[in-house]
Amino acid sequence: MRLLTALLVLCLMPAAASAQCRMSMSGSNCVAVPQARMTPPPVEIGQILERGEYSILMNSRYYGLPAVSDGWVYMQIEKDIYRVDWVTHEVLERVTDQANRRW
């Protein structure tokens, strides 16, 4: 049991060493809280996309998304789905969270 505890402590030490101090507590110098790494989205809302750079997502109903209409399409950009104006190629909205489990 002690060996298992020692191994667990050794495995967690590098993670604790890279964590930053976020708050102080009485009787202790700080509490280490690991920081979550947030990656920026591949494109921003309002950005104009290069033509031919990204794939149009077909079969939107299969992914639980509303049918395409009013001159916009769904485009797959990296691991996200965006609603994009077909004429201007302006990014209108990120809709990945609206897709079902099949995505």
N, C-alpha and C. Protein backbone atom coordinates (compact mmCIF):
# COMPACT_ATOMS: atom_id res chain seq x y z
N MET A 1 0.83 -1.18 0.00
CA MET A 1 0.00 0.00 0.00
C MET A 1 0.88 1.26 0.00
N ARG A 2 1.96 1.24 0.81
CA ARG A 2 2.85 2.40 0.86
C ARG A 2 3.57 2.60 -0.46
N LEU A 3 3.91 1.50 -1.11
CA LEU A 3 4.57 1.58 -2.41
C LEU A 3 3.64 2.23 -3.44
N LEU A 4 2.38 1.85 -3.42
CA LEU A 4 1.40 2.42 -4.32
C LEU A 4 1.23 3.92 -4.06
N THR A 5 1.17 4.31 -2.81
CA THR A 5 1.06 5.72 -2.45
C THR A 5 2.29 6.49 -2.90
N ALA A 6 3.47 5.93 -2.70
CA ALA A 6 4.71 6.59 -3.12
C ALA A 6 4.75 6.76 -4.63
N LEU A 7 4.33 5.74 -5.37
CA LEU A 7 4.30 5.85 -6.83
C LEU A 7 3.31 6.91 -7.29
N LEU A 8 2.18 6.96 -6.65
CA LEU A 8 1.18 7.96 -6.99
C LEU A 8 1.70 9.38 -6.75
N VAL A 9 2.37 9.57 -5.64
CA VAL A 9 2.95 10.88 -5.32
C VAL A 9 4.01 11.26 -6.35
N LEU A 10 4.86 10.30 -6.73
CA LEU A 10 5.89 10.58 -7.72
C LEU A 10 5.29 10.93 -9.08
N CYS A 11 4.22 10.26 -9.43
CA CYS A 11 3.57 10.55 -10.72
C CYS A 11 2.94 11.94 -10.74
N LEU A 12 2.45 12.37 -9.61
CA LEU A 12 1.77 13.67 -9.54
C LEU A 12 2.71 14.84 -9.33
N MET A 13 3.93 14.58 -8.92
CA MET A 13 4.86 15.66 -8.62
C MET A 13 5.14 16.57 -9.82
N PRO A 14 5.41 16.07 -11.03
CA PRO A 14 5.65 16.99 -12.14
C PRO A 14 4.46 17.89 -12.43
N ALA A 15 3.26 17.37 -12.31
CA ALA A 15 2.07 18.19 -12.55
C ALA A 15 1.95 19.28 -11.49
N ALA A 16 2.23 18.93 -10.25
CA ALA A 16 2.14 19.91 -9.17
C ALA A 16 3.23 20.96 -9.31
N ALA A 17 4.40 20.56 -9.78
CA ALA A 17 5.50 21.50 -9.93
C ALA A 17 5.21 22.53 -11.02
N SER A 18 4.45 22.13 -12.05
CA SER A 18 4.16 23.07 -13.14
C SER A 18 2.94 23.94 -12.84
N ALA A 19 2.20 23.62 -11.80
CA ALA A 19 1.03 24.41 -11.45
C ALA A 19 1.45 25.75 -10.86
N GLN A 20 0.59 26.72 -10.97
CA GLN A 20 0.89 28.04 -10.44
C GLN A 20 0.09 28.28 -9.17
N CYS A 21 0.62 29.13 -8.32
CA CYS A 21 -0.06 29.48 -7.09
C CYS A 21 -1.19 30.45 -7.41
N ARG A 22 -2.42 30.12 -7.02
CA ARG A 22 -3.58 30.96 -7.32
C ARG A 22 -4.12 31.70 -6.10
N MET A 23 -4.00 31.10 -4.90
CA MET A 23 -4.55 31.77 -3.71
C MET A 23 -3.80 31.32 -2.47
N SER A 24 -3.77 32.18 -1.49
CA SER A 24 -3.12 31.84 -0.23
C SER A 24 -4.15 31.34 0.77
N MET A 25 -3.72 30.45 1.63
CA MET A 25 -4.59 29.96 2.70
C MET A 25 -3.85 30.15 4.01
N SER A 26 -4.59 30.28 5.08
CA SER A 26 -3.96 30.44 6.38
C SER A 26 -3.18 29.17 6.73
N GLY A 27 -1.95 29.35 7.21
CA GLY A 27 -1.11 28.23 7.59
C GLY A 27 -0.35 27.63 6.42
N SER A 28 -0.53 28.18 5.24
CA SER A 28 0.15 27.64 4.06
C SER A 28 0.48 28.81 3.14
N ASN A 29 1.52 28.65 2.36
CA ASN A 29 1.92 29.74 1.47
C ASN A 29 0.99 29.90 0.28
N CYS A 30 0.65 28.81 -0.37
CA CYS A 30 -0.27 28.92 -1.50
C CYS A 30 -0.89 27.57 -1.81
N VAL A 31 -1.94 27.63 -2.59
CA VAL A 31 -2.59 26.43 -3.08
C VAL A 31 -2.31 26.36 -4.57
N ALA A 32 -1.75 25.25 -5.02
CA ALA A 32 -1.41 25.11 -6.44
C ALA A 32 -2.64 24.67 -7.23
N VAL A 33 -2.94 25.41 -8.28
CA VAL A 33 -4.06 25.09 -9.15
C VAL A 33 -3.53 25.01 -10.58
N PRO A 34 -3.63 23.86 -11.23
CA PRO A 34 -3.13 23.79 -12.61
C PRO A 34 -3.98 24.66 -13.53
N GLN A 35 -3.33 25.28 -14.51
CA GLN A 35 -4.03 26.14 -15.45
C GLN A 35 -4.50 25.31 -16.64
N ALA A 36 -5.73 25.57 -17.06
CA ALA A 36 -6.24 24.92 -18.25
C ALA A 36 -5.68 25.63 -19.48
N ARG A 37 -5.31 24.86 -20.47
CA ARG A 37 -4.78 25.46 -21.69
C ARG A 37 -5.92 25.65 -22.66
N MET A 38 -6.22 26.89 -22.97
CA MET A 38 -7.28 27.22 -23.90
C MET A 38 -6.66 27.50 -25.26
N THR A 39 -7.10 26.78 -26.26
CA THR A 39 -6.60 27.04 -27.59
C THR A 39 -7.55 28.01 -28.29
N PRO A 40 -7.02 28.97 -29.01
CA PRO A 40 -7.88 29.93 -29.69
C PRO A 40 -8.65 29.24 -30.82
N PRO A 41 -9.82 29.74 -31.15
CA PRO A 41 -10.57 29.14 -32.25
C PRO A 41 -9.81 29.31 -33.56
N PRO A 42 -10.01 28.39 -34.52
CA PRO A 42 -9.28 28.47 -35.77
C PRO A 42 -9.62 29.71 -36.59
N VAL A 43 -10.84 30.20 -36.47
CA VAL A 43 -11.26 31.42 -37.15
C VAL A 43 -12.13 32.25 -36.21
N GLU A 44 -12.24 33.52 -36.48
CA GLU A 44 -13.06 34.42 -35.66
C GLU A 44 -14.38 34.72 -36.38
N ILE A 45 -15.41 35.02 -35.61
CA ILE A 45 -16.69 35.43 -36.18
C ILE A 45 -16.45 36.75 -36.92
N GLY A 46 -16.95 36.84 -38.15
CA GLY A 46 -16.76 38.04 -38.96
C GLY A 46 -15.57 37.94 -39.90
N GLN A 47 -14.73 36.96 -39.71
CA GLN A 47 -13.56 36.78 -40.58
C GLN A 47 -14.01 36.34 -41.97
N ILE A 48 -13.34 36.82 -43.00
CA ILE A 48 -13.60 36.40 -44.37
C ILE A 48 -12.64 35.25 -44.71
N LEU A 49 -13.20 34.13 -45.15
CA LEU A 49 -12.41 32.94 -45.45
C LEU A 49 -11.91 32.96 -46.89
N GLU A 50 -10.75 32.39 -47.11
CA GLU A 50 -10.23 32.22 -48.46
C GLU A 50 -11.06 31.16 -49.16
N ARG A 51 -11.39 31.39 -50.40
CA ARG A 51 -12.17 30.42 -51.18
C ARG A 51 -11.33 29.18 -51.45
N GLY A 52 -11.95 28.02 -51.29
CA GLY A 52 -11.26 26.76 -51.54
C GLY A 52 -10.38 26.28 -50.41
N GLU A 53 -10.33 27.02 -49.32
CA GLU A 53 -9.46 26.67 -48.19
C GLU A 53 -10.09 25.62 -47.28
N TYR A 54 -11.43 25.66 -47.13
CA TYR A 54 -12.13 24.78 -46.18
C TYR A 54 -13.20 23.97 -46.88
N SER A 55 -13.66 22.91 -46.23
CA SER A 55 -14.65 22.01 -46.81
C SER A 55 -16.06 22.40 -46.39
N ILE A 56 -16.98 22.29 -47.34
CA ILE A 56 -18.40 22.48 -47.03
C ILE A 56 -18.89 21.20 -46.38
N LEU A 57 -19.66 21.34 -45.32
CA LEU A 57 -20.21 20.18 -44.62
C LEU A 57 -21.53 19.81 -45.27
N MET A 58 -21.58 18.63 -45.83
CA MET A 58 -22.80 18.13 -46.46
C MET A 58 -23.58 17.30 -45.43
N ASN A 59 -24.83 17.01 -45.73
CA ASN A 59 -25.68 16.18 -44.86
C ASN A 59 -25.82 16.79 -43.46
N SER A 60 -26.17 18.05 -43.40
CA SER A 60 -26.27 18.72 -42.10
C SER A 60 -27.30 18.06 -41.19
N ARG A 61 -28.36 17.52 -41.73
CA ARG A 61 -29.38 16.87 -40.90
C ARG A 61 -28.82 15.62 -40.20
N TYR A 62 -27.88 14.94 -40.83
CA TYR A 62 -27.24 13.78 -40.21
C TYR A 62 -26.54 14.19 -38.92
N TYR A 63 -26.01 15.39 -38.89
CA TYR A 63 -25.31 15.89 -37.71
C TYR A 63 -26.23 16.65 -36.76
N GLY A 64 -27.54 16.64 -37.05
CA GLY A 64 -28.50 17.29 -36.16
C GLY A 64 -28.59 18.79 -36.32
N LEU A 65 -28.10 19.31 -37.43
CA LEU A 65 -28.12 20.76 -37.67
C LEU A 65 -29.29 21.12 -38.59
N PRO A 66 -29.83 22.33 -38.46
CA PRO A 66 -30.91 22.75 -39.36
C PRO A 66 -30.44 22.76 -40.81
N ALA A 67 -31.40 22.65 -41.71
CA ALA A 67 -31.08 22.66 -43.14
C ALA A 67 -30.48 24.02 -43.53
N VAL A 68 -29.63 23.99 -44.52
CA VAL A 68 -29.00 25.21 -45.04
C VAL A 68 -30.07 26.04 -45.76
N SER A 69 -30.01 27.37 -45.56
CA SER A 69 -30.97 28.26 -46.23
C SER A 69 -30.43 29.69 -46.25
N ASP A 70 -31.12 30.56 -46.96
CA ASP A 70 -30.84 32.00 -46.98
C ASP A 70 -29.40 32.35 -47.37
N GLY A 71 -28.77 31.54 -48.22
CA GLY A 71 -27.46 31.91 -48.74
C GLY A 71 -26.27 31.61 -47.85
N TRP A 72 -26.43 30.77 -46.84
CA TRP A 72 -25.29 30.39 -46.01
C TRP A 72 -25.11 28.88 -46.07
N VAL A 73 -23.92 28.42 -45.71
CA VAL A 73 -23.59 27.00 -45.70
C VAL A 73 -22.85 26.68 -44.41
N TYR A 74 -22.71 25.39 -44.14
CA TYR A 74 -21.88 24.95 -43.03
C TYR A 74 -20.51 24.60 -43.58
N MET A 75 -19.47 25.01 -42.87
CA MET A 75 -18.11 24.66 -43.27
C MET A 75 -17.39 24.04 -42.09
N GLN A 76 -16.61 23.01 -42.40
CA GLN A 76 -15.78 22.37 -41.39
C GLN A 76 -14.42 23.05 -41.39
N ILE A 77 -14.06 23.59 -40.25
CA ILE A 77 -12.76 24.24 -40.09
C ILE A 77 -12.09 23.61 -38.89
N GLU A 78 -11.05 22.84 -39.17
CA GLU A 78 -10.38 22.00 -38.18
C GLU A 78 -11.41 21.07 -37.56
N LYS A 79 -11.62 21.12 -36.24
CA LYS A 79 -12.58 20.21 -35.60
C LYS A 79 -13.88 20.91 -35.25
N ASP A 80 -14.15 22.04 -35.88
CA ASP A 80 -15.35 22.81 -35.60
C ASP A 80 -16.22 22.96 -36.84
N ILE A 81 -17.50 23.26 -36.60
CA ILE A 81 -18.44 23.55 -37.68
C ILE A 81 -18.83 25.03 -37.55
N TYR A 82 -18.79 25.74 -38.67
CA TYR A 82 -19.16 27.15 -38.70
C TYR A 82 -20.23 27.38 -39.76
N ARG A 83 -21.10 28.35 -39.49
CA ARG A 83 -22.08 28.80 -40.48
C ARG A 83 -21.42 29.96 -41.22
N VAL A 84 -21.36 29.86 -42.55
CA VAL A 84 -20.61 30.82 -43.36
C VAL A 84 -21.49 31.34 -44.49
N ASP A 85 -21.46 32.65 -44.73
CA ASP A 85 -22.18 33.24 -45.85
C ASP A 85 -21.55 32.75 -47.16
N TRP A 86 -22.37 32.19 -48.06
CA TRP A 86 -21.86 31.59 -49.27
C TRP A 86 -21.27 32.62 -50.23
N VAL A 87 -21.86 33.80 -50.31
CA VAL A 87 -21.41 34.81 -51.27
C VAL A 87 -20.12 35.50 -50.81
N THR A 88 -20.11 35.94 -49.57
CA THR A 88 -18.95 36.71 -49.07
C THR A 88 -17.91 35.84 -48.37
N HIS A 89 -18.28 34.62 -47.99
CA HIS A 89 -17.44 33.72 -47.19
C HIS A 89 -17.10 34.30 -45.82
N GLU A 90 -18.02 35.10 -45.29
CA GLU A 90 -17.86 35.65 -43.94
C GLU A 90 -18.35 34.63 -42.92
N VAL A 91 -17.57 34.41 -41.86
CA VAL A 91 -17.96 33.49 -40.79
C VAL A 91 -19.05 34.15 -39.97
N LEU A 92 -20.21 33.49 -39.90
CA LEU A 92 -21.36 34.06 -39.20
C LEU A 92 -21.51 33.55 -37.77
N GLU A 93 -21.19 32.26 -37.56
CA GLU A 93 -21.44 31.68 -36.24
C GLU A 93 -20.73 30.34 -36.12
N ARG A 94 -20.28 30.03 -34.92
CA ARG A 94 -19.74 28.69 -34.63
C ARG A 94 -20.91 27.84 -34.14
N VAL A 95 -21.15 26.69 -34.77
CA VAL A 95 -22.31 25.87 -34.44
C VAL A 95 -21.93 24.46 -34.00
N THR A 96 -20.69 24.23 -33.68
CA THR A 96 -20.25 22.89 -33.27
C THR A 96 -21.07 22.37 -32.10
N ASP A 97 -21.37 23.23 -31.14
CA ASP A 97 -22.11 22.80 -29.95
C ASP A 97 -23.56 22.45 -30.26
N GLN A 98 -24.06 22.82 -31.45
CA GLN A 98 -25.42 22.48 -31.84
C GLN A 98 -25.50 21.13 -32.53
N ALA A 99 -24.36 20.57 -32.93
CA ALA A 99 -24.33 19.27 -33.61
C ALA A 99 -24.58 18.15 -32.61
N ASN A 100 -25.04 17.03 -33.12
CA ASN A 100 -25.32 15.89 -32.23
C ASN A 100 -24.07 15.04 -32.03
N ARG A 101 -24.24 13.87 -31.42
CA ARG A 101 -23.12 12.99 -31.09
C ARG A 101 -22.39 12.48 -32.31
N ARG A 102 -23.02 12.47 -33.46
CA ARG A 102 -22.36 11.95 -34.65
C ARG A 102 -21.17 12.82 -35.07
N TRP A 103 -21.15 14.06 -34.65
CA TRP A 103 -20.04 14.93 -35.00
C TRP A 103 -18.88 14.56 -34.11
